[in-house]
Structure formats: C-alpha cells, structure tokens
C-alpha cells in the first residue's frame, strides 16, 4: 500500500509542476505582448510586430 501512495504523490507533484510551467509560459507571453521593448508605433502590442 505504501508504494501506491508514493506513486500517486509523485504523479500529482509532476502534474502540478507541468501546470505551473504552462501558466508561467502563458504569463510571460502575455506580458511580452503588451508594451514590450518597442512600445512605439503600430504593431507594438504583438511579438515580432512591424517595426518602423
């Protein structure tokens, strides 16, 4: 019974880590999209927008 509990705990921890990583990546993309380094002109809201 002990090994089963350990396995369940390990799986849950891995899932939590994956979930946290995906959330972090999403937040990073969102923060990059608004403003960013080039906050002037059109296309500044998107990553890789047209720089003029």
PDB file of N, CA and C in Angstrom:
ATOM      1  N   UNK A   1       0.826  -1.211   0.000  1.00  0.00           N
ATOM      2  CA  UNK A   1       0.000   0.000   0.000  1.00  0.00           C
ATOM      3  C   UNK A   1       0.865   1.268   0.000  1.00  0.00           C
ATOM      4  N   UNK A   2       2.010   1.196   0.648  1.00  0.00           N
ATOM      5  CA  UNK A   2       2.862   2.386   0.751  1.00  0.00           C
ATOM      6  C   UNK A   2       3.372   2.817  -0.624  1.00  0.00           C
ATOM      7  N   UNK A   3       3.793   1.839  -1.428  1.00  0.00           N
ATOM      8  CA  UNK A   3       4.340   2.179  -2.743  1.00  0.00           C
ATOM      9  C   UNK A   3       3.280   2.840  -3.620  1.00  0.00           C
ATOM     10  N   UNK A   4       2.022   2.430  -3.466  1.00  0.00           N
ATOM     11  CA  UNK A   4       0.937   3.019  -4.251  1.00  0.00           C
ATOM     12  C   UNK A   4       0.768   4.496  -3.891  1.00  0.00           C
ATOM     13  N   UNK A   5       0.801   4.782  -2.595  1.00  0.00           N
ATOM     14  CA  UNK A   5       0.657   6.174  -2.147  1.00  0.00           C
ATOM     15  C   UNK A   5       1.796   7.036  -2.669  1.00  0.00           C
ATOM     16  N   UNK A   6       3.012   6.501  -2.628  1.00  0.00           N
ATOM     17  CA  UNK A   6       4.182   7.245  -3.108  1.00  0.00           C
ATOM     18  C   UNK A   6       4.033   7.546  -4.597  1.00  0.00           C
ATOM     19  N   UNK A   7       3.556   6.560  -5.337  1.00  0.00           N
ATOM     20  CA  UNK A   7       3.388   6.740  -6.784  1.00  0.00           C
ATOM     21  C   UNK A   7       2.354   7.834  -7.066  1.00  0.00           C
ATOM     22  N   UNK A   8       1.257   7.805  -6.327  1.00  0.00           N
ATOM     23  CA  UNK A   8       0.206   8.814  -6.517  1.00  0.00           C
ATOM     24  C   UNK A   8       0.748  10.202  -6.192  1.00  0.00           C
ATOM     25  N   UNK A   9       1.515  10.292  -5.107  1.00  0.00           N
ATOM     26  CA  UNK A   9       2.094  11.582  -4.715  1.00  0.00           C
ATOM     27  C   UNK A   9       3.036  12.102  -5.794  1.00  0.00           C
ATOM     28  N   UNK A  10       3.878  11.223  -6.319  1.00  0.00           N
ATOM     29  CA  UNK A  10       4.841  11.617  -7.350  1.00  0.00           C
ATOM     30  C   UNK A  10       4.110  12.117  -8.596  1.00  0.00           C
ATOM     31  N   UNK A  11       3.067  11.401  -8.997  1.00  0.00           N
ATOM     32  CA  UNK A  11       2.304  11.798 -10.181  1.00  0.00           C
ATOM     33  C   UNK A  11       1.657  13.168  -9.983  1.00  0.00           C
ATOM     34  N   UNK A  12       1.081  13.377  -8.798  1.00  0.00           N
ATOM     35  CA  UNK A  12       0.410  14.653  -8.528  1.00  0.00           C
ATOM     36  C   UNK A  12       1.417  15.802  -8.538  1.00  0.00           C
ATOM     37  N   UNK A  13       2.609  15.568  -7.984  1.00  0.00           N
ATOM     38  CA  UNK A  13       3.646  16.608  -7.951  1.00  0.00           C
ATOM     39  C   UNK A  13       4.078  16.953  -9.377  1.00  0.00           C
ATOM     40  N   UNK A  14       4.268  15.925 -10.200  1.00  0.00           N
ATOM     41  CA  UNK A  14       4.673  16.157 -11.593  1.00  0.00           C
ATOM     42  C   UNK A  14       3.606  16.963 -12.334  1.00  0.00           C
ATOM     43  N   UNK A  15       2.346  16.592 -12.124  1.00  0.00           N
ATOM     44  CA  UNK A  15       1.255  17.304 -12.784  1.00  0.00           C
ATOM     45  C   UNK A  15       1.221  18.767 -12.344  1.00  0.00           C
ATOM     46  N   UNK A  16       1.420  18.992 -11.055  1.00  0.00           N
ATOM     47  CA  UNK A  16       1.427  20.365 -10.540  1.00  0.00           C
ATOM     48  C   UNK A  16       2.556  21.174 -11.174  1.00  0.00           C
ATOM     49  N   UNK A  17       3.733  20.560 -11.294  1.00  0.00           N
ATOM     50  CA  UNK A  17       4.882  21.246 -11.896  1.00  0.00           C
ATOM     51  C   UNK A  17       4.574  21.620 -13.343  1.00  0.00           C
ATOM     52  N   UNK A  18       4.029  20.667 -14.101  1.00  0.00           N
ATOM     53  CA  UNK A  18       3.694  20.931 -15.502  1.00  0.00           C
ATOM     54  C   UNK A  18       2.685  22.074 -15.603  1.00  0.00           C
ATOM     55  N   UNK A  19       1.683  22.023 -14.733  1.00  0.00           N
ATOM     56  CA  UNK A  19       0.642  23.055 -14.728  1.00  0.00           C
ATOM     57  C   UNK A  19       1.244  24.426 -14.442  1.00  0.00           C
ATOM     58  N   UNK A  20       2.131  24.480 -13.452  1.00  0.00           N
ATOM     59  CA  UNK A  20       2.770  25.749 -13.085  1.00  0.00           C
ATOM     60  C   UNK A  20       3.618  26.270 -14.239  1.00  0.00           C
ATOM     61  N   UNK A  21       4.334  25.365 -14.914  1.00  0.00           N
ATOM     62  CA  UNK A  21       5.194  25.770 -16.031  1.00  0.00           C
ATOM     63  C   UNK A  21       4.363  26.358 -17.172  1.00  0.00           C
ATOM     64  N   UNK A  22       3.236  25.717 -17.485  1.00  0.00           N
ATOM     65  CA  UNK A  22       2.393  26.215 -18.570  1.00  0.00           C
ATOM     66  C   UNK A  22       1.818  27.579 -18.208  1.00  0.00           C
ATOM     67  N   UNK A  23       1.411  27.747 -16.954  1.00  0.00           N
ATOM     68  CA  UNK A  23       0.874  29.038 -16.512  1.00  0.00           C
ATOM     69  C   UNK A  23       1.935  30.124 -16.639  1.00  0.00           C
ATOM     70  N   UNK A  24       3.159  29.794 -16.221  1.00  0.00           N
ATOM     71  CA  UNK A  24       4.253  30.763 -16.269  1.00  0.00           C
ATOM     72  C   UNK A  24       4.534  31.173 -17.716  1.00  0.00           C
ATOM     73  N   UNK A  25       4.558  30.191 -18.613  1.00  0.00           N
ATOM     74  CA  UNK A  25       4.827  30.471 -20.026  1.00  0.00           C
ATOM     75  C   UNK A  25       3.731  31.380 -20.584  1.00  0.00           C
ATOM     76  N   UNK A  26       2.490  31.105 -20.233  1.00  0.00           N
ATOM     77  CA  UNK A  26       1.381  31.923 -20.700  1.00  0.00           C
ATOM     78  C   UNK A  26       1.497  33.344 -20.201  1.00  0.00           C
ATOM     79  N   UNK A  27       1.861  33.501 -18.930  1.00  0.00           N
ATOM     80  CA  UNK A  27       2.009  34.841 -18.357  1.00  0.00           C
ATOM     81  C   UNK A  27       3.136  35.596 -19.043  1.00  0.00           C
ATOM     82  N   UNK A  28       4.221  34.886 -19.340  1.00  0.00           N
ATOM     83  CA  UNK A  28       5.370  35.532 -19.968  1.00  0.00           C
ATOM     84  C   UNK A  28       4.983  36.050 -21.353  1.00  0.00           C
ATOM     85  N   UNK A  29       4.268  35.219 -22.113  1.00  0.00           N
ATOM     86  CA  UNK A  29       3.839  35.624 -23.453  1.00  0.00           C
ATOM     87  C   UNK A  29       2.927  36.840 -23.361  1.00  0.00           C
ATOM     88  N   UNK A  30       2.017  36.817 -22.391  1.00  0.00           N
ATOM     89  CA  UNK A  30       1.078  37.917 -22.236  1.00  0.00           C
ATOM     90  C   UNK A  30       1.790  39.216 -21.900  1.00  0.00           C
ATOM     91  N   UNK A  31       2.774  39.143 -20.993  1.00  0.00           N
ATOM     92  CA  UNK A  31       3.486  40.349 -20.577  1.00  0.00           C
ATOM     93  C   UNK A  31       4.336  40.888 -21.723  1.00  0.00           C
ATOM     94  N   UNK A  32       4.863  39.991 -22.540  1.00  0.00           N
ATOM     95  CA  UNK A  32       5.680  40.413 -23.687  1.00  0.00           C
ATOM     96  C   UNK A  32       4.810  41.125 -24.715  1.00  0.00           C
ATOM     97  N   UNK A  33       3.589  40.630 -24.882  1.00  0.00           N
ATOM     98  CA  UNK A  33       2.732  41.129 -25.951  1.00  0.00           C
ATOM     99  C   UNK A  33       2.354  42.596 -25.722  1.00  0.00           C
ATOM    100  N   UNK A  34       2.073  42.942 -24.476  1.00  0.00           N
ATOM    101  CA  UNK A  34       1.665  44.314 -24.179  1.00  0.00           C
ATOM    102  C   UNK A  34       2.906  45.133 -23.870  1.00  0.00           C
ATOM    103  N   UNK A  35       3.113  46.204 -24.619  1.00  0.00           N
ATOM    104  CA  UNK A  35       4.260  47.073 -24.359  1.00  0.00           C
ATOM    105  C   UNK A  35       5.531  46.491 -24.943  1.00  0.00           C
ATOM    106  N   UNK A  36       6.209  45.656 -24.160  1.00  0.00           N
ATOM    107  CA  UNK A  36       7.464  45.074 -24.627  1.00  0.00           C
ATOM    108  C   UNK A  36       8.561  46.124 -24.650  1.00  0.00           C
ATOM    109  N   UNK A  37       9.616  45.852 -25.426  1.00  0.00           N
ATOM    110  CA  UNK A  37      10.741  46.792 -25.503  1.00  0.00           C
ATOM    111  C   UNK A  37      10.418  47.912 -26.485  1.00  0.00           C
ATOM    112  N   UNK A  38       9.743  47.571 -27.598  1.00  0.00           N
ATOM    113  CA  UNK A  38       9.386  48.586 -28.595  1.00  0.00           C
ATOM    114  C   UNK A  38       7.928  48.990 -28.370  1.00  0.00           C
ATOM    115  N   UNK A  39       7.720  49.975 -27.512  1.00  0.00           N
ATOM    116  CA  UNK A  39       6.361  50.386 -27.169  1.00  0.00           C
ATOM    117  C   UNK A  39       5.898  51.577 -27.974  1.00  0.00           C
ATOM    118  N   UNK A  40       6.437  51.757 -29.171  1.00  0.00           N
ATOM    119  CA  UNK A  40       6.048  52.898 -30.003  1.00  0.00           C
ATOM    120  C   UNK A  40       5.607  52.406 -31.379  1.00  0.00           C
ATOM    121  N   UNK A  41       4.660  53.116 -31.953  1.00  0.00           N
ATOM    122  CA  UNK A  41       4.228  52.796 -33.311  1.00  0.00           C
ATOM    123  C   UNK A  41       3.257  51.639 -33.344  1.00  0.00           C
ATOM    124  N   UNK A  42       2.829  51.298 -34.556  1.00  0.00           N
ATOM    125  CA  UNK A  42       1.885  50.198 -34.725  1.00  0.00           C
ATOM    126  C   UNK A  42       2.615  48.871 -34.595  1.00  0.00           C
ATOM    127  N   UNK A  43       1.876  47.858 -34.173  1.00  0.00           N
ATOM    128  CA  UNK A  43       2.466  46.521 -34.040  1.00  0.00           C
ATOM    129  C   UNK A  43       3.288  46.360 -32.783  1.00  0.00           C
ATOM    130  N   UNK A  44       3.168  47.302 -31.835  1.00  0.00           N
ATOM    131  CA  UNK A  44       3.933  47.187 -30.599  1.00  0.00           C
ATOM    132  C   UNK A  44       3.271  46.208 -29.641  1.00  0.00           C
ATOM    133  N   UNK A  45       1.984  45.915 -29.878  1.00  0.00           N
ATOM    134  CA  UNK A  45       1.263  45.023 -28.972  1.00  0.00           C
ATOM    135  C   UNK A  45       1.613  43.567 -29.211  1.00  0.00           C
ATOM    136  N   UNK A  46       2.164  43.258 -30.361  1.00  0.00           N
ATOM    137  CA  UNK A  46       2.431  41.863 -30.688  1.00  0.00           C
ATOM    138  C   UNK A  46       3.920  41.603 -30.773  1.00  0.00           C
ATOM    139  N   UNK A  47       4.299  40.357 -30.420  1.00  0.00           N
ATOM    140  CA  UNK A  47       5.702  39.964 -30.508  1.00  0.00           C
ATOM    141  C   UNK A  47       6.043  39.798 -31.980  1.00  0.00           C
ATOM    142  N   UNK A  48       7.127  40.406 -32.406  1.00  0.00           N
ATOM    143  CA  UNK A  48       7.517  40.303 -33.812  1.00  0.00           C
ATOM    144  C   UNK A  48       6.649  41.157 -34.707  1.00  0.00           C
ATOM    145  N   UNK A  49       6.087  42.224 -34.156  1.00  0.00           N
ATOM    146  CA  UNK A  49       5.260  43.129 -34.955  1.00  0.00           C
ATOM    147  C   UNK A  49       6.109  43.960 -35.898  1.00  0.00           C
ATOM    148  N   UNK A  50       5.464  44.680 -36.784  1.00  0.00           N
ATOM    149  CA  UNK A  50       6.198  45.502 -37.756  1.00  0.00           C
ATOM    150  C   UNK A  50       6.857  46.679 -37.053  1.00  0.00           C
ATOM    151  N   UNK A  51       8.178  46.760 -37.155  1.00  0.00           N
ATOM    152  CA  UNK A  51       8.906  47.894 -36.570  1.00  0.00           C
ATOM    153  C   UNK A  51       9.180  48.908 -37.674  1.00  0.00           C
ATOM    154  N   UNK A  52       8.773  50.161 -37.450  1.00  0.00           N
ATOM    155  CA  UNK A  52       9.002  51.200 -38.469  1.00  0.00           C
ATOM    156  C   UNK A  52       9.590  52.429 -37.820  1.00  0.00           C
TER     157      UNK A  52
END
